[in-house]
Amino acid sequence: MSDMHNHPAEMPYDGGYRRGNGVAVASLVLGLVSVVLMCIWYVAMPCGILAIIFGVGGRKNAREGASGGGMATAGLVLGLLGLLLPIVLLLGCLAFLGIGGEAALEGLQKAVEELDAQRAAPILDIATNGAP
């Protein structure tokens, strides 16, 4: 009977199972949130910072035998993008307003005034000259 319990076919097979890596998943999710919400900088930047921190931790866990090394790397890259894109967007807006912003806004205002004048001109002609 003891031979029956020690049979190799009945031994559980590990199958190369690797433990999960929740830190990598958190990094990926926070990285995605930071990139998707990059226009809301006060959400994107903290999520990007956390994605970078969790991405580094997830990569460390993956080197120690956990799964999810690719997710951690993707979260790290998305976290960097989510941190840098709002900064680039902000600098682009400031550059537009600082360098050519006033001229562009004045040009836009002139164009709107010309459109208003063109739209109002036929109405004034009808009022002053009668029906066409």
N, C-alpha and C. Protein backbone atom coordinates (compact mmCIF):
# COMPACT_ATOMS: atom_id res chain seq x y z
N MET A 1 0.80 -1.20 0.00
CA MET A 1 0.00 0.00 0.00
C MET A 1 0.84 1.26 0.00
N SER A 2 1.96 1.22 0.70
CA SER A 2 2.79 2.40 0.72
C SER A 2 3.38 2.69 -0.64
N ASP A 3 3.55 1.65 -1.46
CA ASP A 3 4.06 1.84 -2.81
C ASP A 3 3.06 2.63 -3.66
N MET A 4 1.79 2.46 -3.38
CA MET A 4 0.75 3.14 -4.13
C MET A 4 0.77 4.66 -3.88
N HIS A 5 1.08 5.07 -2.68
CA HIS A 5 1.08 6.50 -2.35
C HIS A 5 2.32 7.23 -2.84
N ASN A 6 3.38 6.53 -3.12
CA ASN A 6 4.63 7.16 -3.56
C ASN A 6 4.83 7.07 -5.06
N HIS A 7 3.81 6.71 -5.77
CA HIS A 7 3.94 6.58 -7.22
C HIS A 7 4.19 7.95 -7.83
N PRO A 8 5.17 8.09 -8.73
CA PRO A 8 5.50 9.41 -9.32
C PRO A 8 4.36 10.02 -10.12
N ALA A 9 3.48 9.23 -10.69
CA ALA A 9 2.39 9.79 -11.49
C ALA A 9 1.38 10.52 -10.63
N GLU A 10 1.35 10.23 -9.36
CA GLU A 10 0.39 10.88 -8.47
C GLU A 10 0.96 12.12 -7.79
N MET A 11 2.20 12.38 -8.00
CA MET A 11 2.83 13.54 -7.38
C MET A 11 2.34 14.81 -8.08
N PRO A 12 2.06 15.84 -7.34
CA PRO A 12 1.60 17.08 -8.00
C PRO A 12 2.70 17.67 -8.86
N TYR A 13 2.30 18.18 -10.00
CA TYR A 13 3.24 18.78 -10.94
C TYR A 13 3.21 20.29 -10.77
N ASP A 14 4.39 20.84 -10.58
CA ASP A 14 4.49 22.29 -10.37
C ASP A 14 4.16 23.04 -11.65
N GLY A 15 4.62 22.58 -12.77
CA GLY A 15 4.31 23.21 -14.05
C GLY A 15 5.02 24.53 -14.25
N GLY A 16 6.06 24.81 -13.50
CA GLY A 16 6.79 26.06 -13.67
C GLY A 16 5.99 27.26 -13.20
N TYR A 17 5.12 27.08 -12.25
CA TYR A 17 4.28 28.17 -11.77
C TYR A 17 5.14 29.25 -11.13
N ARG A 18 4.88 30.47 -11.51
CA ARG A 18 5.57 31.61 -10.92
C ARG A 18 4.54 32.43 -10.17
N ARG A 19 4.96 32.97 -9.07
CA ARG A 19 4.03 33.75 -8.26
C ARG A 19 3.65 35.04 -9.00
N GLY A 20 2.49 35.55 -8.66
CA GLY A 20 1.98 36.75 -9.31
C GLY A 20 2.76 38.00 -8.90
N ASN A 21 2.50 39.07 -9.62
CA ASN A 21 3.23 40.31 -9.39
C ASN A 21 2.21 41.45 -9.40
N GLY A 22 1.55 41.66 -8.29
CA GLY A 22 0.54 42.71 -8.19
C GLY A 22 1.11 44.11 -8.36
N VAL A 23 2.38 44.26 -8.01
CA VAL A 23 3.02 45.57 -8.17
C VAL A 23 3.13 45.92 -9.65
N ALA A 24 3.41 44.92 -10.49
CA ALA A 24 3.50 45.16 -11.93
C ALA A 24 2.14 45.54 -12.50
N VAL A 25 1.10 44.88 -12.03
CA VAL A 25 -0.26 45.20 -12.49
C VAL A 25 -0.63 46.63 -12.08
N ALA A 26 -0.30 46.98 -10.85
CA ALA A 26 -0.59 48.35 -10.38
C ALA A 26 0.17 49.37 -11.21
N SER A 27 1.42 49.06 -11.54
CA SER A 27 2.21 49.96 -12.37
C SER A 27 1.58 50.16 -13.74
N LEU A 28 1.14 49.06 -14.35
CA LEU A 28 0.52 49.16 -15.67
C LEU A 28 -0.77 49.96 -15.62
N VAL A 29 -1.60 49.70 -14.63
CA VAL A 29 -2.88 50.41 -14.52
C VAL A 29 -2.65 51.91 -14.29
N LEU A 30 -1.75 52.23 -13.36
CA LEU A 30 -1.47 53.65 -13.09
C LEU A 30 -0.82 54.34 -14.29
N GLY A 31 0.02 53.62 -15.01
CA GLY A 31 0.62 54.19 -16.22
C GLY A 31 -0.42 54.49 -17.27
N LEU A 32 -1.37 53.57 -17.46
CA LEU A 32 -2.45 53.82 -18.42
C LEU A 32 -3.31 55.00 -18.00
N VAL A 33 -3.63 55.08 -16.72
CA VAL A 33 -4.43 56.21 -16.23
C VAL A 33 -3.69 57.52 -16.45
N SER A 34 -2.39 57.53 -16.20
CA SER A 34 -1.62 58.77 -16.35
C SER A 34 -1.55 59.23 -17.80
N VAL A 35 -1.47 58.29 -18.74
CA VAL A 35 -1.42 58.69 -20.15
C VAL A 35 -2.79 59.11 -20.66
N VAL A 36 -3.82 58.36 -20.27
CA VAL A 36 -5.17 58.69 -20.75
C VAL A 36 -5.64 60.04 -20.20
N LEU A 37 -5.30 60.32 -18.97
CA LEU A 37 -5.74 61.57 -18.33
C LEU A 37 -4.63 62.63 -18.30
N MET A 38 -3.81 62.66 -19.34
CA MET A 38 -2.67 63.59 -19.31
C MET A 38 -3.09 65.05 -19.33
N CYS A 39 -4.27 65.35 -19.83
CA CYS A 39 -4.72 66.75 -19.83
C CYS A 39 -5.15 67.21 -18.44
N ILE A 40 -5.42 66.27 -17.56
CA ILE A 40 -5.74 66.61 -16.18
C ILE A 40 -4.46 66.37 -15.39
N TRP A 41 -3.58 67.35 -15.40
CA TRP A 41 -2.22 67.17 -14.90
C TRP A 41 -2.18 66.78 -13.43
N TYR A 42 -3.12 67.25 -12.62
CA TYR A 42 -3.07 66.96 -11.20
C TYR A 42 -3.50 65.53 -10.90
N VAL A 43 -4.01 64.81 -11.89
CA VAL A 43 -4.27 63.38 -11.76
C VAL A 43 -3.14 62.59 -12.45
N ALA A 44 -2.74 63.05 -13.63
CA ALA A 44 -1.78 62.31 -14.44
C ALA A 44 -0.40 62.26 -13.81
N MET A 45 0.06 63.36 -13.25
CA MET A 45 1.42 63.38 -12.73
C MET A 45 1.60 62.51 -11.49
N PRO A 46 0.70 62.56 -10.50
CA PRO A 46 0.87 61.62 -9.37
C PRO A 46 0.74 60.16 -9.80
N CYS A 47 -0.18 59.87 -10.73
CA CYS A 47 -0.30 58.50 -11.22
C CYS A 47 0.97 58.08 -11.97
N GLY A 48 1.56 58.99 -12.71
CA GLY A 48 2.81 58.69 -13.41
C GLY A 48 3.95 58.41 -12.45
N ILE A 49 4.04 59.21 -11.40
CA ILE A 49 5.09 58.99 -10.40
C ILE A 49 4.91 57.63 -9.73
N LEU A 50 3.66 57.31 -9.35
CA LEU A 50 3.40 56.02 -8.72
C LEU A 50 3.65 54.86 -9.69
N ALA A 51 3.33 55.05 -10.96
CA ALA A 51 3.58 54.01 -11.95
C ALA A 51 5.07 53.75 -12.10
N ILE A 52 5.87 54.79 -12.04
CA ILE A 52 7.32 54.62 -12.13
C ILE A 52 7.84 53.85 -10.91
N ILE A 53 7.38 54.24 -9.73
CA ILE A 53 7.82 53.57 -8.51
C ILE A 53 7.41 52.11 -8.53
N PHE A 54 6.14 51.84 -8.85
CA PHE A 54 5.67 50.45 -8.90
C PHE A 54 6.32 49.67 -10.03
N GLY A 55 6.63 50.34 -11.14
CA GLY A 55 7.30 49.67 -12.25
C GLY A 55 8.69 49.19 -11.87
N VAL A 56 9.41 50.02 -11.15
CA VAL A 56 10.74 49.61 -10.69
C VAL A 56 10.61 48.43 -9.72
N GLY A 57 9.65 48.50 -8.80
CA GLY A 57 9.43 47.40 -7.86
C GLY A 57 8.97 46.13 -8.56
N GLY A 58 8.11 46.27 -9.56
CA GLY A 58 7.64 45.11 -10.32
C GLY A 58 8.74 44.45 -11.10
N ARG A 59 9.64 45.23 -11.68
CA ARG A 59 10.78 44.66 -12.39
C ARG A 59 11.71 43.93 -11.43
N LYS A 60 11.88 44.48 -10.23
CA LYS A 60 12.70 43.82 -9.22
C LYS A 60 12.08 42.48 -8.82
N ASN A 61 10.76 42.47 -8.61
CA ASN A 61 10.07 41.23 -8.28
C ASN A 61 10.19 40.21 -9.41
N ALA A 62 10.13 40.66 -10.65
CA ALA A 62 10.24 39.77 -11.80
C ALA A 62 11.63 39.16 -11.88
N ARG A 63 12.65 39.92 -11.55
CA ARG A 63 14.01 39.37 -11.53
C ARG A 63 14.18 38.32 -10.45
N GLU A 64 13.37 38.44 -9.38
CA GLU A 64 13.44 37.48 -8.28
C GLU A 64 12.54 36.27 -8.50
N GLY A 65 11.92 36.16 -9.66
CA GLY A 65 11.16 34.97 -9.98
C GLY A 65 9.67 35.16 -10.14
N ALA A 66 9.15 36.33 -9.93
CA ALA A 66 7.71 36.56 -10.11
C ALA A 66 7.40 36.80 -11.58
N SER A 67 6.16 36.66 -11.93
CA SER A 67 5.74 36.94 -13.30
C SER A 67 5.50 38.44 -13.45
N GLY A 68 5.23 38.87 -14.67
CA GLY A 68 4.83 40.25 -14.90
C GLY A 68 5.95 41.23 -15.18
N GLY A 69 7.08 40.74 -15.63
CA GLY A 69 8.17 41.66 -15.95
C GLY A 69 7.82 42.61 -17.08
N GLY A 70 7.10 42.09 -18.08
CA GLY A 70 6.67 42.93 -19.20
C GLY A 70 5.65 43.98 -18.79
N MET A 71 4.74 43.58 -17.90
CA MET A 71 3.76 44.55 -17.41
C MET A 71 4.44 45.65 -16.62
N ALA A 72 5.43 45.28 -15.83
CA ALA A 72 6.15 46.29 -15.03
C ALA A 72 6.90 47.25 -15.94
N THR A 73 7.51 46.72 -17.00
CA THR A 73 8.22 47.59 -17.95
C THR A 73 7.25 48.51 -18.68
N ALA A 74 6.13 47.96 -19.10
CA ALA A 74 5.12 48.79 -19.78
C ALA A 74 4.59 49.86 -18.84
N GLY A 75 4.34 49.51 -17.59
CA GLY A 75 3.88 50.49 -16.61
C GLY A 75 4.91 51.57 -16.36
N LEU A 76 6.18 51.18 -16.34
CA LEU A 76 7.26 52.14 -16.15
C LEU A 76 7.33 53.13 -17.31
N VAL A 77 7.25 52.61 -18.52
CA VAL A 77 7.30 53.48 -19.71
C VAL A 77 6.08 54.39 -19.77
N LEU A 78 4.89 53.83 -19.52
CA LEU A 78 3.68 54.65 -19.54
C LEU A 78 3.70 55.69 -18.42
N GLY A 79 4.26 55.32 -17.27
CA GLY A 79 4.39 56.28 -16.18
C GLY A 79 5.29 57.44 -16.56
N LEU A 80 6.41 57.13 -17.23
CA LEU A 80 7.29 58.21 -17.71
C LEU A 80 6.57 59.10 -18.71
N LEU A 81 5.83 58.48 -19.63
CA LEU A 81 5.06 59.29 -20.60
C LEU A 81 3.99 60.12 -19.90
N GLY A 82 3.31 59.51 -18.95
CA GLY A 82 2.27 60.23 -18.21
C GLY A 82 2.81 61.35 -17.36
N LEU A 83 4.08 61.27 -17.01
CA LEU A 83 4.71 62.33 -16.24
C LEU A 83 5.26 63.42 -17.15
N LEU A 84 5.81 63.03 -18.30
CA LEU A 84 6.44 64.00 -19.18
C LEU A 84 5.46 64.71 -20.12
N LEU A 85 4.44 64.01 -20.60
CA LEU A 85 3.51 64.62 -21.55
C LEU A 85 2.77 65.83 -20.98
N PRO A 86 2.27 65.81 -19.74
CA PRO A 86 1.65 67.03 -19.21
C PRO A 86 2.63 68.19 -19.10
N ILE A 87 3.89 67.89 -18.81
CA ILE A 87 4.90 68.95 -18.73
C ILE A 87 5.12 69.55 -20.11
N VAL A 88 5.25 68.69 -21.12
CA VAL A 88 5.44 69.18 -22.49
C VAL A 88 4.21 69.96 -22.95
N LEU A 89 3.04 69.48 -22.62
CA LEU A 89 1.80 70.17 -22.98
C LEU A 89 1.74 71.55 -22.32
N LEU A 90 2.09 71.61 -21.06
CA LEU A 90 2.09 72.89 -20.34
C LEU A 90 3.12 73.85 -20.93
N LEU A 91 4.32 73.35 -21.20
CA LEU A 91 5.35 74.21 -21.79
C LEU A 91 4.95 74.68 -23.19
N GLY A 92 4.27 73.81 -23.95
CA GLY A 92 3.80 74.21 -25.27
C GLY A 92 2.76 75.31 -25.19
N CYS A 93 1.85 75.19 -24.23
CA CYS A 93 0.83 76.25 -24.06
C CYS A 93 1.48 77.56 -23.62
N LEU A 94 2.42 77.46 -22.69
CA LEU A 94 3.11 78.68 -22.25
C LEU A 94 3.92 79.30 -23.38
N ALA A 95 4.55 78.48 -24.19
CA ALA A 95 5.31 79.02 -25.32
C ALA A 95 4.39 79.68 -26.32
N PHE A 96 3.24 79.08 -26.57
CA PHE A 96 2.28 79.68 -27.50
C PHE A 96 1.80 81.03 -26.99
N LEU A 97 1.46 81.09 -25.72
CA LEU A 97 0.97 82.35 -25.17
C LEU A 97 2.08 83.37 -25.00
N GLY A 98 3.28 82.92 -24.73
CA GLY A 98 4.38 83.85 -24.51
C GLY A 98 4.99 84.38 -25.78
N ILE A 99 5.16 83.54 -26.78
CA ILE A 99 5.86 83.95 -27.99
C ILE A 99 4.91 84.52 -29.02
N GLY A 100 3.93 83.76 -29.42
CA GLY A 100 3.04 84.22 -30.48
C GLY A 100 1.60 84.30 -30.03
N GLY A 101 1.37 84.16 -28.78
CA GLY A 101 0.01 84.10 -28.27
C GLY A 101 -0.77 85.37 -28.50
N GLU A 102 -0.17 86.51 -28.21
CA GLU A 102 -0.89 87.77 -28.36
C GLU A 102 -1.17 88.06 -29.82
N ALA A 103 -0.20 87.81 -30.68
CA ALA A 103 -0.42 88.06 -32.11
C ALA A 103 -1.47 87.11 -32.66
N ALA A 104 -1.43 85.86 -32.22
CA ALA A 104 -2.42 84.90 -32.69
C ALA A 104 -3.80 85.26 -32.19
N LEU A 105 -3.90 85.68 -30.96
CA LEU A 105 -5.20 86.07 -30.42
C LEU A 105 -5.72 87.34 -31.09
N GLU A 106 -4.83 88.30 -31.38
CA GLU A 106 -5.26 89.51 -32.09
C GLU A 106 -5.73 89.17 -33.49
N GLY A 107 -5.02 88.28 -34.18
CA GLY A 107 -5.43 87.85 -35.52
C GLY A 107 -6.78 87.15 -35.49
N LEU A 108 -6.99 86.32 -34.48
CA LEU A 108 -8.27 85.64 -34.33
C LEU A 108 -9.39 86.65 -34.06
N GLN A 109 -9.10 87.64 -33.24
CA GLN A 109 -10.10 88.65 -32.94
C GLN A 109 -10.44 89.46 -34.19
N LYS A 110 -9.44 89.82 -35.01
CA LYS A 110 -9.70 90.55 -36.25
C LYS A 110 -10.55 89.72 -37.21
N ALA A 111 -10.25 88.42 -37.30
CA ALA A 111 -11.02 87.55 -38.18
C ALA A 111 -12.47 87.46 -37.74
N VAL A 112 -12.71 87.38 -36.46
CA VAL A 112 -14.07 87.32 -35.94
C VAL A 112 -14.79 88.64 -36.22
N GLU A 113 -14.11 89.77 -36.04
CA GLU A 113 -14.72 91.06 -36.31
C GLU A 113 -15.06 91.20 -37.79
N GLU A 114 -14.18 90.72 -38.70
CA GLU A 114 -14.45 90.79 -40.13
C GLU A 114 -15.65 89.93 -40.50
N LEU A 115 -15.73 88.73 -39.89
CA LEU A 115 -16.88 87.87 -40.16
C LEU A 115 -18.17 88.51 -39.68
N ASP A 116 -18.11 89.14 -38.53
CA ASP A 116 -19.30 89.84 -38.02
C ASP A 116 -19.68 90.99 -38.95
N ALA A 117 -18.69 91.72 -39.46
CA ALA A 117 -18.97 92.84 -40.36
C ALA A 117 -19.56 92.33 -41.67
N GLN A 118 -19.05 91.21 -42.20
CA GLN A 118 -19.58 90.65 -43.45
C GLN A 118 -21.00 90.12 -43.25
N ARG A 119 -21.24 89.55 -42.09
CA ARG A 119 -22.56 89.01 -41.82
C ARG A 119 -23.58 90.14 -41.62
N ALA A 120 -23.14 91.23 -41.02
CA ALA A 120 -24.05 92.33 -40.74
C ALA A 120 -24.27 93.22 -41.96
N ALA A 121 -23.36 93.23 -42.93
CA ALA A 121 -23.47 94.11 -44.09
C ALA A 121 -24.73 93.87 -44.91
N PRO A 122 -25.09 92.66 -45.29
CA PRO A 122 -26.33 92.50 -46.08
C PRO A 122 -27.57 92.91 -45.30
N ILE A 123 -27.58 92.73 -44.03
CA ILE A 123 -28.73 93.14 -43.23
C ILE A 123 -28.86 94.65 -43.26
N LEU A 124 -27.74 95.39 -43.15
CA LEU A 124 -27.77 96.83 -43.20
C LEU A 124 -28.21 97.32 -44.58
N ASP A 125 -27.77 96.66 -45.68
CA ASP A 125 -28.17 97.05 -47.02
C ASP A 125 -29.68 96.92 -47.20
N ILE A 126 -30.24 95.86 -46.67
CA ILE A 126 -31.68 95.66 -46.78
C ILE A 126 -32.41 96.73 -46.00
N ALA A 127 -31.89 97.07 -44.83
CA ALA A 127 -32.57 98.06 -44.00
C ALA A 127 -32.49 99.45 -44.61
N THR A 128 -31.38 99.77 -45.25
CA THR A 128 -31.21 101.14 -45.77
C THR A 128 -31.69 101.28 -47.21
N ASN A 129 -31.57 100.26 -48.03
CA ASN A 129 -31.90 100.37 -49.45
C ASN A 129 -33.23 99.71 -49.79
N GLY A 130 -33.82 99.08 -48.85
CA GLY A 130 -35.06 98.35 -49.15
C GLY A 130 -34.76 96.93 -49.58
N ALA A 131 -35.77 96.24 -50.05
CA ALA A 131 -35.61 94.85 -50.46
C ALA A 131 -34.86 94.79 -51.77
N PRO A 132 -34.08 93.75 -52.00
CA PRO A 132 -33.30 93.67 -53.27
C PRO A 132 -34.14 93.38 -54.47
